[in-house]
C-alpha cells in the first residue's frame, strides 16, 4: 500500500485529480497560456514533451516517490496546471509539495492558495505528516514569496544542487512546515482565501 493513495481533492471551484495521460492535451494548453516552458526556473514541459512529462510522473508514482495531480476547474474540467507530492518519505511521515505550475491566466488568483490548502490539509490531517516541505530555485523569487506566505520556514540553501533546463546549475532554497505549525497556517490561508479580491 502506497503512503499517498489516489485521491481527488476539491474546494472553491478547483479540483485536484490524479494526473493521467488523458490530461495531456489539457496540460499542453495550460502550459501554452503564457508559454511557461520559456521560464528557466520552472519545470513546465515544452509542448512536444508533455506526454513524457506525464509518463515520468506516473513512473515516479509507481516508484512511490511522487504523486502528481492535474489541477482543473471543477465546473468545466479545464486543466489549469499541475502540482505534486514528491520526495515522499513514509518512515518519517514527510512529503514535499512541488512540480507546481499554473496557466498564466490563473496565476495570482485563488487557484494556488486553494491547491496548497487542499494538499496541506491532506498531508497533515489525512496522511498524518510531521513535516511538509518545499524547494525552489534560488532565482524564483515569486515562488519563494508564495511559499513564505503559506507560513513555511526557510531551512536553508543547497548550493550547486540541480540542473536548470538551460544547463546552468541552480542553488535550491528549502522550506518546511511542521505539524504543530499547521493550525495557525491553515487559519491564515483560509483568511487569505475568504477575503475579497480586488
Protein backbone atom coordinates (compact mmCIF):
# COMPACT_ATOMS: atom_id res chain seq x y z
CA UNK A 1 0.00 0.00 0.00
CA UNK A 2 1.41 3.39 -1.05
CA UNK A 3 1.77 6.17 1.50
CA UNK A 4 -0.06 8.54 -0.87
CA UNK A 5 -3.08 6.70 -2.26
CA UNK A 6 -5.07 8.01 -5.26
CA UNK A 7 -7.42 10.75 -4.12
CA UNK A 8 -9.39 13.62 -5.63
CA UNK A 9 -9.47 16.90 -3.69
CA UNK A 10 -11.93 19.74 -4.34
CA UNK A 11 -12.66 23.21 -2.97
CA UNK A 12 -13.55 26.69 -4.23
CA UNK A 13 -14.21 25.53 -7.79
CA UNK A 14 -10.80 23.85 -8.07
CA UNK A 15 -10.29 20.08 -8.30
CA UNK A 16 -7.06 18.14 -7.94
CA UNK A 17 -7.33 14.79 -9.65
CA UNK A 18 -4.61 12.15 -10.14
CA UNK A 19 -2.63 13.01 -13.28
CA UNK A 20 -3.11 10.61 -16.20
CA UNK A 21 -2.30 10.53 -19.90
CA UNK A 22 -5.87 11.71 -20.51
CA UNK A 23 -4.73 15.14 -19.26
CA UNK A 24 -2.09 15.51 -21.99
CA UNK A 25 -3.97 17.94 -24.25
CA UNK A 26 -5.23 19.98 -21.32
CA UNK A 27 -1.74 20.27 -19.81
CA UNK A 28 -0.34 21.32 -23.17
CA UNK A 29 -2.96 24.08 -23.46
CA UNK A 30 -2.35 25.24 -19.89
CA UNK A 31 1.41 25.48 -20.49
CA UNK A 32 0.80 27.37 -23.75
CA UNK A 33 -1.13 30.01 -21.76
CA UNK A 34 1.92 32.18 -21.17
CA UNK A 35 4.42 29.87 -22.93
CA UNK A 36 5.53 28.80 -19.47
CA UNK A 37 8.22 26.43 -20.72
CA UNK A 38 10.30 29.52 -21.57
CA UNK A 39 10.71 30.37 -17.88
CA UNK A 40 14.12 28.95 -16.99
CA UNK A 41 13.37 28.43 -13.27
CA UNK A 42 10.35 26.15 -13.69
CA UNK A 43 9.76 22.52 -14.73
CA UNK A 44 6.87 23.23 -17.13
CA UNK A 45 7.09 20.88 -20.13
CA UNK A 46 7.56 22.11 -23.68
CA UNK A 47 4.52 21.19 -25.86
CA UNK A 48 6.32 18.29 -27.52
CA UNK A 49 7.43 16.91 -24.14
CA UNK A 50 4.04 16.95 -22.38
CA UNK A 51 3.43 13.22 -22.79
CA UNK A 52 6.90 12.36 -21.46
CA UNK A 53 6.30 14.74 -18.52
CA UNK A 54 3.19 12.74 -17.60
CA UNK A 55 4.87 9.37 -18.21
CA UNK A 56 7.77 10.40 -15.96
CA UNK A 57 5.33 11.48 -13.25
CA UNK A 58 3.48 8.16 -13.50
CA UNK A 59 6.78 6.23 -13.26
CA UNK A 60 7.67 8.20 -10.13
CA UNK A 61 4.22 7.41 -8.70
CA UNK A 62 4.84 3.73 -9.35
CA UNK A 63 8.19 4.03 -7.55
CA UNK A 64 6.44 5.70 -4.60
CA UNK A 65 8.32 9.00 -4.61
CA UNK A 66 5.92 11.36 -6.41
CA UNK A 67 2.14 11.69 -6.72
CA UNK A 68 1.15 14.20 -9.40
CA UNK A 69 -2.22 15.93 -9.72
CA UNK A 70 -3.87 17.70 -12.62
CA UNK A 71 -5.33 20.97 -11.34
CA UNK A 72 -8.68 21.51 -13.03
CA UNK A 73 -11.61 23.89 -12.98
CA UNK A 74 -14.37 21.93 -11.25
CA UNK A 75 -17.25 23.25 -13.36
CA UNK A 76 -15.67 22.61 -16.77
CA UNK A 77 -12.84 20.13 -16.25
CA UNK A 78 -10.44 22.57 -17.90
CA UNK A 79 -6.84 21.82 -16.93
CA UNK A 80 -5.25 24.80 -15.17
CA UNK A 81 -1.87 23.28 -14.28
CA UNK A 82 -0.30 20.65 -12.09
CA UNK A 83 1.12 20.07 -8.62
CA UNK A 84 2.61 17.07 -6.83
CA UNK A 85 3.52 15.46 -3.58
CA UNK A 86 7.14 14.39 -4.04
CA UNK A 87 10.19 13.19 -2.13
CA UNK A 88 7.71 11.09 -0.16
CA UNK A 89 9.31 9.62 2.98
CA UNK A 90 6.76 7.39 4.76
CA UNK A 91 9.19 6.34 7.53
CA UNK A 92 9.44 9.92 8.81
CA UNK A 93 5.98 10.98 7.59
CA UNK A 94 7.26 13.73 5.32
CA UNK A 95 6.24 14.87 1.87
CA UNK A 96 7.20 17.86 -0.22
CA UNK A 97 4.84 19.86 -2.41
CA UNK A 98 6.25 20.90 -5.75
CA UNK A 99 6.36 20.49 -9.52
CA UNK A 100 3.72 23.21 -9.28
CA UNK A 101 2.74 25.43 -12.17
CA UNK A 102 -0.41 27.10 -13.49
CA UNK A 103 -1.61 28.69 -16.72
CA UNK A 104 -0.72 32.37 -16.78
CA UNK A 105 -4.42 33.35 -16.81
CA UNK A 106 -4.99 31.84 -13.34
CA UNK A 107 -1.76 32.93 -11.70
CA UNK A 108 -2.26 35.38 -8.81
CA UNK A 109 -5.84 34.10 -8.41
CA UNK A 110 -7.34 31.85 -5.72
CA UNK A 111 -6.12 28.72 -7.53
CA UNK A 112 -2.67 28.33 -5.93
CA UNK A 113 -3.87 29.13 -2.40
CA UNK A 114 -6.74 26.66 -2.81
CA UNK A 115 -4.42 23.92 -4.08
CA UNK A 116 -1.99 24.47 -1.23
CA UNK A 117 -4.81 24.41 1.33
CA UNK A 118 -6.12 21.13 -0.13
CA UNK A 119 -2.71 19.48 -0.32
CA UNK A 120 -1.50 20.66 3.09
CA UNK A 121 -4.79 19.58 4.70
CA UNK A 122 -4.44 16.16 3.09
CA UNK A 123 -0.78 15.85 4.11
CA UNK A 124 -1.22 16.88 7.74
CA UNK A 125 -4.74 15.69 8.51
CA UNK A 126 -5.13 12.55 6.37
CA UNK A 127 -1.58 11.26 5.84
CA UNK A 128 -0.52 12.34 9.32
CA UNK A 129 2.66 14.02 8.11
CA UNK A 130 5.02 15.51 10.67
CA UNK A 131 6.63 17.78 8.07
CA UNK A 132 5.69 19.21 4.68
CA UNK A 133 8.50 20.68 2.62
CA UNK A 134 9.01 22.85 -0.43
CA UNK A 135 12.03 23.60 -2.61
CA UNK A 136 12.56 26.20 -5.29
CA UNK A 137 15.19 27.78 -7.50
CA UNK A 138 17.22 30.49 -5.80
CA UNK A 139 16.20 32.87 -8.59
CA UNK A 140 12.48 32.01 -8.45
CA UNK A 141 11.61 34.90 -6.15
CA UNK A 142 7.86 34.67 -6.87
CA UNK A 143 7.84 31.04 -5.73
CA UNK A 144 9.83 31.86 -2.59
CA UNK A 145 7.37 34.63 -1.69
CA UNK A 146 4.40 32.32 -2.29
CA UNK A 147 5.90 29.61 -0.08
CA UNK A 148 6.64 32.11 2.68
CA UNK A 149 3.02 33.39 2.51
CA UNK A 150 1.92 29.85 3.42
CA UNK A 151 3.76 30.16 6.72
CA UNK A 152 6.62 27.84 5.77
CA UNK A 153 10.03 28.46 7.29
CA UNK A 154 13.22 28.69 5.30
CA UNK A 155 15.52 25.79 6.20
CA UNK A 156 18.48 26.88 4.10
CA UNK A 157 20.04 26.73 0.66
CA UNK A 158 21.56 23.69 -1.04
CA UNK A 159 24.30 25.14 -3.20
CA UNK A 160 25.02 23.66 -6.63
CA UNK A 161 22.07 21.31 -6.19
CA UNK A 162 20.32 20.76 -9.53
CA UNK A 163 20.39 21.49 -13.25
CA UNK A 164 18.08 24.04 -14.81
CA UNK A 165 16.56 23.40 -18.22
CA UNK A 166 19.19 25.68 -19.80
CA UNK A 167 22.02 23.58 -18.38
CA UNK A 168 23.07 26.01 -15.66
CA UNK A 169 23.40 24.73 -12.10
CA UNK A 170 20.98 26.12 -9.55
CA UNK A 171 21.06 26.60 -5.83
CA UNK A 172 17.89 25.21 -4.20
CA UNK A 173 16.08 27.08 -1.44
CA UNK A 174 14.48 24.66 1.03
CA UNK A 175 11.41 25.38 3.20
CA UNK A 176 9.33 23.32 5.61
CA UNK A 177 6.36 23.39 7.96
CA UNK A 178 5.93 21.11 10.97
CA UNK A 179 2.57 19.68 12.01
CA UNK A 180 2.43 21.90 15.10
CA UNK A 181 2.63 24.97 12.87
CA UNK A 182 -0.17 23.81 10.61
CA UNK A 183 -3.27 25.02 12.56
CA UNK A 184 -2.13 28.64 12.51
CA UNK A 185 -1.02 28.39 8.88
CA UNK A 186 -4.36 26.82 7.92
CA UNK A 187 -6.28 29.65 9.59
CA UNK A 188 -4.17 32.27 7.80
CA UNK A 189 -4.54 30.55 4.43
CA UNK A 190 -8.30 30.30 4.87
CA UNK A 191 -8.40 34.00 5.82
CA UNK A 192 -6.50 34.92 2.65
CA UNK A 193 -8.92 32.86 0.56
CA UNK A 194 -12.01 34.33 2.23
CA UNK A 195 -11.06 37.99 1.93
CA UNK A 196 -12.43 39.90 -1.06
CA UNK A 197 -10.08 40.15 -4.03
CA UNK A 198 -9.61 43.50 -5.78
